[in-house]
Amino acid sequence: MKVVITRKIPDRIKQLLDNECTTYMWNEELEPMPRDLLLQQIADADALFTNVSDRIDKEVFQAASKLKVVSTMAVGFDNIDIEEATRRGILVGHTPDVLSEAVADLTFALILATARKIFEGMNYIKDGCWRGWGPMLLTGQNVYNATLGIIGMGRIGKKVARRATGFDMKILYHNRNRRKELEQELGAQYRPLDDLLRSSDIIVMLAPATPETYRMIGKREFSIMKPNAIFINTSRGSNVDESALITALKERQIWGAGLDVFEKEPISPEHPLLSLENVVVLPHIGSATLETRINMAMITAQNILHGLRGEPLLHCVNPRVVT
C-alpha cells in the first residue's frame, strides 16, 4: 500500500509508515508540495498524510481512485472537503487534544506580549532608542484582574480559561453550547457575543473555521469593543475580517492585537498589518513545541495505519464512513 506524505516529517515517524507501506514524501519542510505533483502521486495512493496548508478538495479525490484514508497533522480540517471524502467512503483523521496545552500556552504568550508591549520594547532597545527610564515609557495594559472573553470554549478555550484563573481574570465565554460544567469549575460566565465583545478587556478567538464562523469578527464587532480592548486570534484567519481589523487598529477603535493566523498564509512582509506598532504577529506556531509536533505526527501516522488495516482511527472526523 502507498502513502503520500505532503511535507517532510521526522524520520522515526516516516519509519512507522515505511514498515508497512511504500511511502512517497515531499522532502521539504517549509515549501508546500506542488499541486501537480500531489495529483500525480495521489493517483495510485491508498493513504494521504497531509497538513493545514494543503487543499484536499474534489479534484484531489477524483485523482485518487484507491484512496482509503486521509489524515491531517492538525486539529482543524477546514482544508479538506469532508463531504466529498465521506461520499467516497474515505476516512478522514485529525489530531485533537494533543495540541491543546501548547496552543493555550501560545495564546497566553500573545496576550502578555501584546498587553505589555514585549516586542515593541525589544525593538526599542535594538534600535538604540533607550536613553533612560521614563514614567510613561512603553506603558501597556494590565492582564492581572482583567476581563477575558473567549469565543469558542472547546478544548483549547478550556485550557486558556484555566490559565486565566491564575491571573485572577474574570472569564466570559461565547460558544454554540453552554458549558455549565466549566462555569462551575472555572467560574466562567456565558454571554451572548455582543455582550462579551462590549465587556471584555481581552478577547480571544478560538472558534473552529466553519461557514458560520467565516469573518465572524468584522467591522461591526470591532466597533463595539472597548477602546482598550486587545484582540487575540489563535484559531483560523478566516474567522476575522482582516481589513476591518486593520482599520480598527489604525483608528484606535481597539488598543492592540496578537495574531498567530491570517486570512492568507504565509502573510506577505508588505502586509499592512506588519506596519502597525500595536500588533504582534507570529507565523502560525500555536502548536509548535517539539513534543507536541512529534505527537501530532505520530497520531497522524497511526490514523493512517489503523485506516489501512481496517481498524477504527484514533481520531476520526467522519466515523459514519463504513470501511
Protein backbone atom coordinates (compact mmCIF):
# COMPACT_ATOMS: atom_id res chain seq x y z
CA MET A 1 0.00 0.00 0.00
CA LYS A 2 1.20 3.50 -0.83
CA VAL A 3 1.15 6.55 1.45
CA VAL A 4 1.77 10.08 0.14
CA ILE A 5 3.27 12.49 2.70
CA THR A 6 2.94 16.14 1.67
CA ARG A 7 5.65 17.62 3.91
CA LYS A 8 8.93 16.37 5.39
CA ILE A 9 8.29 14.62 8.72
CA PRO A 10 10.70 13.20 11.34
CA ASP A 11 12.49 10.03 10.27
CA ARG A 12 11.14 7.93 13.13
CA ILE A 13 7.55 8.78 12.15
CA LYS A 14 8.19 8.01 8.50
CA GLN A 15 9.77 4.70 9.52
CA LEU A 16 6.49 3.63 11.15
CA LEU A 17 4.81 4.00 7.78
CA ASP A 18 7.75 2.50 5.88
CA ASN A 19 7.47 -0.66 8.00
CA GLU A 20 4.09 -1.45 6.47
CA CYS A 21 3.78 0.69 3.35
CA THR A 22 5.54 2.20 0.40
CA THR A 23 5.86 5.94 1.01
CA TYR A 24 6.36 8.98 -1.16
CA MET A 25 7.38 12.05 0.86
CA TRP A 26 7.76 15.61 -0.42
CA ASN A 27 11.16 16.26 1.13
CA GLU A 28 10.63 19.93 2.02
CA GLU A 29 9.65 21.30 5.42
CA LEU A 30 8.72 24.88 4.54
CA GLU A 31 7.60 24.66 0.90
CA PRO A 32 4.23 23.03 0.15
CA MET A 33 4.06 20.07 -2.19
CA PRO A 34 3.35 21.34 -5.72
CA ARG A 35 -0.24 20.77 -6.76
CA ASP A 36 0.60 18.93 -9.97
CA LEU A 37 2.94 16.59 -8.10
CA LEU A 38 0.30 15.89 -5.47
CA LEU A 39 -2.23 14.98 -8.15
CA GLN A 40 0.32 12.76 -9.86
CA GLN A 41 1.41 10.92 -6.70
CA ILE A 42 -2.10 10.52 -5.27
CA ALA A 43 -3.28 8.62 -8.37
CA ASP A 44 -2.16 5.23 -7.03
CA ALA A 45 -2.08 6.06 -3.31
CA ASP A 46 -4.01 4.29 -0.58
CA ALA A 47 -3.48 6.98 2.07
CA LEU A 48 -2.55 10.65 2.38
CA PHE A 49 -0.59 12.27 5.23
CA THR A 50 -1.48 15.96 4.91
CA ASN A 51 -1.39 19.24 6.83
CA VAL A 52 -3.16 22.60 7.14
CA SER A 53 -1.51 24.14 4.07
CA ASP A 54 -2.78 21.51 1.60
CA ARG A 55 -6.10 21.95 -0.19
CA ILE A 56 -7.64 18.49 -0.32
CA ASP A 57 -10.69 19.05 -2.48
CA LYS A 58 -12.84 17.25 -5.02
CA GLU A 59 -10.08 17.42 -7.64
CA VAL A 60 -7.71 15.51 -5.35
CA PHE A 61 -10.30 12.88 -4.52
CA GLN A 62 -11.17 12.43 -8.20
CA ALA A 63 -7.49 11.80 -8.95
CA ALA A 64 -7.18 9.20 -6.16
CA SER A 65 -9.21 6.15 -7.12
CA LYS A 66 -7.59 3.89 -4.48
CA LEU A 67 -7.63 6.33 -1.55
CA LYS A 68 -8.91 4.85 1.72
CA VAL A 69 -7.80 7.28 4.40
CA VAL A 70 -6.64 10.88 4.74
CA SER A 71 -5.12 12.13 7.97
CA THR A 72 -4.13 15.72 8.67
CA MET A 73 -1.46 16.76 11.15
CA ALA A 74 -3.80 19.31 12.71
CA VAL A 75 -6.90 19.61 14.83
CA GLY A 76 -8.69 21.68 12.16
CA PHE A 77 -9.80 20.11 8.89
CA ASP A 78 -11.37 23.04 7.02
CA ASN A 79 -8.86 22.49 4.19
CA ILE A 80 -10.39 19.06 3.45
CA ASP A 81 -13.67 18.50 1.62
CA ILE A 82 -15.18 16.22 4.26
CA GLU A 83 -18.47 15.81 2.41
CA GLU A 84 -16.69 14.58 -0.72
CA ALA A 85 -14.45 12.24 1.30
CA THR A 86 -17.44 10.79 3.10
CA ARG A 87 -19.36 10.35 -0.15
CA ARG A 88 -16.44 8.33 -1.50
CA GLY A 89 -16.07 6.25 1.66
CA ILE A 90 -12.72 7.79 2.59
CA LEU A 91 -11.93 8.11 6.30
CA VAL A 92 -10.52 11.44 7.50
CA GLY A 93 -8.39 11.63 10.63
CA HIS A 94 -7.06 14.58 12.62
CA THR A 95 -5.13 15.29 15.84
CA PRO A 96 -7.29 16.90 18.54
CA ASP A 97 -6.36 17.09 22.26
CA VAL A 98 -2.61 16.62 21.81
CA LEU A 99 -2.01 20.28 20.88
CA SER A 100 -4.42 21.98 23.30
CA GLU A 101 -1.88 22.78 26.02
CA ALA A 102 0.69 24.14 23.55
CA VAL A 103 -1.84 26.38 21.80
CA ALA A 104 -3.15 27.61 25.15
CA ASP A 105 0.42 28.49 26.19
CA LEU A 106 0.98 30.37 22.92
CA THR A 107 -2.34 32.17 23.32
CA PHE A 108 -1.33 33.42 26.72
CA ALA A 109 2.10 34.35 25.38
CA LEU A 110 0.37 36.55 22.78
CA ILE A 111 -1.85 38.08 25.45
CA LEU A 112 1.16 39.03 27.56
CA ALA A 113 3.34 40.12 24.63
CA THR A 114 0.60 42.38 23.25
CA ALA A 115 -0.58 43.79 26.57
CA ARG A 116 2.91 44.55 27.85
CA LYS A 117 4.48 45.63 24.52
CA ILE A 118 7.17 42.96 24.74
CA PHE A 119 8.32 43.08 21.11
CA GLU A 120 7.96 46.85 20.93
CA GLY A 121 10.22 47.10 23.97
CA MET A 122 12.78 44.70 22.50
CA ASN A 123 12.88 46.67 19.23
CA TYR A 124 13.15 49.92 21.22
CA ILE A 125 16.44 48.66 22.66
CA LYS A 126 17.70 47.15 19.38
CA ASP A 127 17.02 50.42 17.53
CA GLY A 128 19.14 52.35 20.04
CA CYS A 129 16.21 54.39 21.36
CA TRP A 130 16.61 53.56 25.06
CA ARG A 131 18.13 56.59 26.79
CA GLY A 132 16.79 56.04 30.31
CA TRP A 133 13.79 55.31 32.47
CA GLY A 134 10.61 57.28 31.79
CA PRO A 135 7.44 57.40 33.91
CA MET A 136 5.18 56.52 30.97
CA LEU A 137 7.69 54.72 28.74
CA LEU A 138 6.14 51.72 26.90
CA THR A 139 3.19 51.54 29.26
CA GLY A 140 0.87 48.64 28.49
CA GLN A 141 -2.31 47.06 29.79
CA ASN A 142 -2.91 45.00 32.91
CA VAL A 143 -3.53 41.30 32.35
CA TYR A 144 -3.98 40.52 36.03
CA ASN A 145 -7.60 41.06 37.10
CA ALA A 146 -8.69 41.91 33.54
CA THR A 147 -11.87 40.56 31.92
CA LEU A 148 -11.14 37.81 29.40
CA GLY A 149 -13.68 36.97 26.70
CA ILE A 150 -13.23 33.60 25.00
CA ILE A 151 -15.02 32.96 21.70
CA GLY A 152 -15.16 29.18 21.30
CA MET A 153 -15.00 27.28 24.58
CA GLY A 154 -13.69 23.97 23.25
CA ARG A 155 -10.63 22.03 24.37
CA ILE A 156 -8.23 24.94 23.87
CA GLY A 157 -10.67 27.50 25.26
CA LYS A 158 -10.93 25.49 28.46
CA LYS A 159 -7.12 25.40 28.79
CA VAL A 160 -6.88 29.16 28.24
CA ALA A 161 -9.61 29.76 30.83
CA ARG A 162 -7.76 27.59 33.35
CA ARG A 163 -4.60 29.66 32.85
CA ALA A 164 -6.63 32.84 33.26
CA THR A 165 -7.66 31.81 36.77
CA GLY A 166 -4.01 32.17 37.80
CA PHE A 167 -4.22 35.83 36.78
CA ASP A 168 -7.46 36.34 38.73
CA MET A 169 -9.21 37.22 35.48
CA LYS A 170 -12.97 37.42 35.11
CA ILE A 171 -13.79 34.84 32.44
CA LEU A 172 -16.59 35.35 29.93
CA TYR A 173 -17.24 32.97 27.05
CA HIS A 174 -19.40 32.56 23.97
CA ASN A 175 -19.97 29.14 22.47
CA ARG A 176 -22.51 27.26 20.37
CA ASN A 177 -23.48 25.39 23.52
CA ARG A 178 -23.24 26.44 27.14
CA ARG A 179 -20.57 24.64 29.16
CA LYS A 180 -22.19 24.61 32.58
CA GLU A 181 -19.57 22.25 33.99
CA LEU A 182 -16.89 24.85 33.16
CA GLU A 183 -19.00 27.59 34.66
CA GLN A 184 -18.91 25.68 37.93
CA GLU A 185 -15.29 24.55 37.65
CA LEU A 186 -13.70 27.81 36.50
CA GLY A 187 -16.28 30.46 37.33
CA ALA A 188 -16.72 31.27 33.63
CA GLN A 189 -19.85 33.18 32.63
CA TYR A 190 -21.72 32.58 29.38
CA ARG A 191 -22.53 35.74 27.41
CA PRO A 192 -24.12 36.48 24.03
CA LEU A 193 -21.42 37.52 21.57
CA ASP A 194 -22.16 41.26 21.55
CA ASP A 195 -22.26 41.35 25.36
CA LEU A 196 -18.90 39.59 25.52
CA LEU A 197 -17.35 41.99 23.00
CA ARG A 198 -18.58 45.06 24.90
CA SER A 199 -17.48 43.76 28.31
CA SER A 200 -14.06 42.19 27.70
CA ASP A 201 -10.64 43.78 28.07
CA ILE A 202 -9.01 40.88 26.21
CA ILE A 203 -10.87 38.90 23.54
CA VAL A 204 -9.54 35.55 22.35
CA MET A 205 -10.83 33.96 19.14
CA LEU A 206 -10.72 30.17 19.42
CA ALA A 207 -13.71 29.12 17.31
CA PRO A 208 -13.21 26.49 14.58
CA ALA A 209 -13.30 27.52 10.92
CA THR A 210 -16.80 26.79 9.63
CA PRO A 211 -19.21 28.56 7.26
CA GLU A 212 -20.90 30.01 10.36
CA THR A 213 -17.67 31.49 11.76
CA TYR A 214 -16.34 32.90 8.46
CA ARG A 215 -15.42 36.57 9.18
CA MET A 216 -17.38 36.27 12.40
CA ILE A 217 -15.48 39.28 13.75
CA GLY A 218 -15.70 42.25 11.42
CA LYS A 219 -16.33 45.99 11.28
CA ARG A 220 -19.43 45.96 13.49
CA GLU A 221 -17.87 43.67 16.07
CA PHE A 222 -14.69 45.77 16.37
CA SER A 223 -16.80 48.92 16.69
CA ILE A 224 -18.49 47.69 19.88
CA MET A 225 -15.29 46.56 21.62
CA LYS A 226 -13.73 48.71 24.33
CA PRO A 227 -11.13 51.26 23.16
CA ASN A 228 -8.64 49.48 25.45
CA ALA A 229 -9.54 46.01 24.09
CA ILE A 230 -6.86 43.54 23.00
CA PHE A 231 -7.89 41.06 20.29
CA ILE A 232 -6.09 37.71 20.05
CA ASN A 233 -6.56 35.13 17.27
CA THR A 234 -5.02 31.66 17.53
CA SER A 235 -7.82 29.84 15.69
CA ARG A 236 -8.09 30.45 11.93
CA GLY A 237 -7.52 33.62 9.94
CA SER A 238 -10.82 33.18 8.09
CA ASN A 239 -12.71 33.86 11.33
CA VAL A 240 -11.75 37.54 11.15
CA ASP A 241 -12.26 40.24 8.51
CA GLU A 242 -8.64 41.33 8.25
CA SER A 243 -9.37 44.66 6.55
CA ALA A 244 -11.77 45.55 9.37
CA LEU A 245 -9.13 44.60 11.94
CA ILE A 246 -6.55 46.82 10.24
CA THR A 247 -8.98 49.76 10.30
CA ALA A 248 -9.82 49.14 13.97
CA LEU A 249 -6.12 49.11 14.88
CA LYS A 250 -5.24 52.16 12.77
CA GLU A 251 -8.12 54.23 14.09
CA ARG A 252 -7.54 53.01 17.65
CA GLN A 253 -11.02 51.57 17.94
CA ILE A 254 -9.20 48.82 19.83
CA TRP A 255 -5.88 49.02 21.68
CA GLY A 256 -3.98 46.15 20.09
CA ALA A 257 -3.98 42.68 18.58
CA GLY A 258 -1.94 39.48 18.79
CA LEU A 259 -2.21 37.15 15.79
CA ASP A 260 -0.86 33.69 15.02
CA VAL A 261 -3.09 33.11 11.98
CA PHE A 262 -4.09 35.09 8.88
CA GLU A 263 -6.60 35.01 6.04
CA LYS A 264 -3.80 34.17 3.60
CA GLU A 265 -0.72 32.30 4.79
CA PRO A 266 2.15 32.88 4.69
CA ILE A 267 1.50 36.58 5.22
CA SER A 268 3.44 38.92 2.94
CA PRO A 269 6.19 41.08 4.51
CA GLU A 270 4.42 44.04 2.85
CA HIS A 271 1.08 43.25 4.50
CA PRO A 272 -0.36 46.40 6.14
CA LEU A 273 -0.71 44.62 9.49
CA LEU A 274 3.07 44.48 9.75
CA SER A 275 3.38 48.26 9.57
CA LEU A 276 1.31 48.77 12.73
CA GLU A 277 3.02 49.19 16.10
CA ASN A 278 0.02 47.92 18.07
CA VAL A 279 0.02 44.39 16.67
CA VAL A 280 2.09 41.29 17.47
CA VAL A 281 2.30 38.67 14.71
CA LEU A 282 3.59 35.09 14.68
CA PRO A 283 3.93 32.56 11.80
CA HIS A 284 1.17 30.08 12.79
CA ILE A 285 3.20 28.38 15.54
CA GLY A 286 0.43 27.71 18.06
CA SER A 287 1.27 24.03 18.42
CA ALA A 288 4.99 24.42 17.72
CA THR A 289 6.66 22.71 20.62
CA LEU A 290 8.92 19.78 19.74
CA GLU A 291 6.98 17.34 21.89
CA THR A 292 3.61 18.44 20.55
CA ARG A 293 4.59 18.32 16.87
CA ILE A 294 6.15 14.84 17.29
CA ASN A 295 2.95 13.63 18.97
CA MET A 296 0.83 15.17 16.21
CA ALA A 297 2.88 13.43 13.52
CA MET A 298 2.69 10.15 15.44
CA ILE A 299 -1.11 10.31 15.71
CA THR A 300 -1.40 11.22 12.03
CA ALA A 301 0.68 8.17 11.07
CA GLN A 302 -1.26 5.91 13.44
CA ASN A 303 -4.56 7.14 12.00
CA ILE A 304 -3.31 6.11 8.56
CA LEU A 305 -2.10 2.69 9.66
CA HIS A 306 -5.35 1.99 11.52
CA GLY A 307 -7.37 3.01 8.49
CA LEU A 308 -5.35 0.85 6.11
CA ARG A 309 -5.71 -2.14 8.43
CA GLY A 310 -9.48 -1.68 8.56
CA GLU A 311 -9.33 -0.59 12.21
CA PRO A 312 -11.01 2.50 13.75
CA LEU A 313 -8.93 5.67 13.51
CA LEU A 314 -7.65 7.14 16.77
CA HIS A 315 -9.43 10.41 15.91
CA CYS A 316 -11.90 10.34 13.01
CA VAL A 317 -13.75 13.32 11.54
CA ASN A 318 -16.30 11.20 9.63
CA PRO A 319 -16.78 7.94 11.56
CA ARG A 320 -20.03 7.24 9.75
CA VAL A 321 -17.97 6.02 6.79
CA VAL A 322 -18.22 2.23 6.62
CA THR A 323 -14.92 0.66 5.56
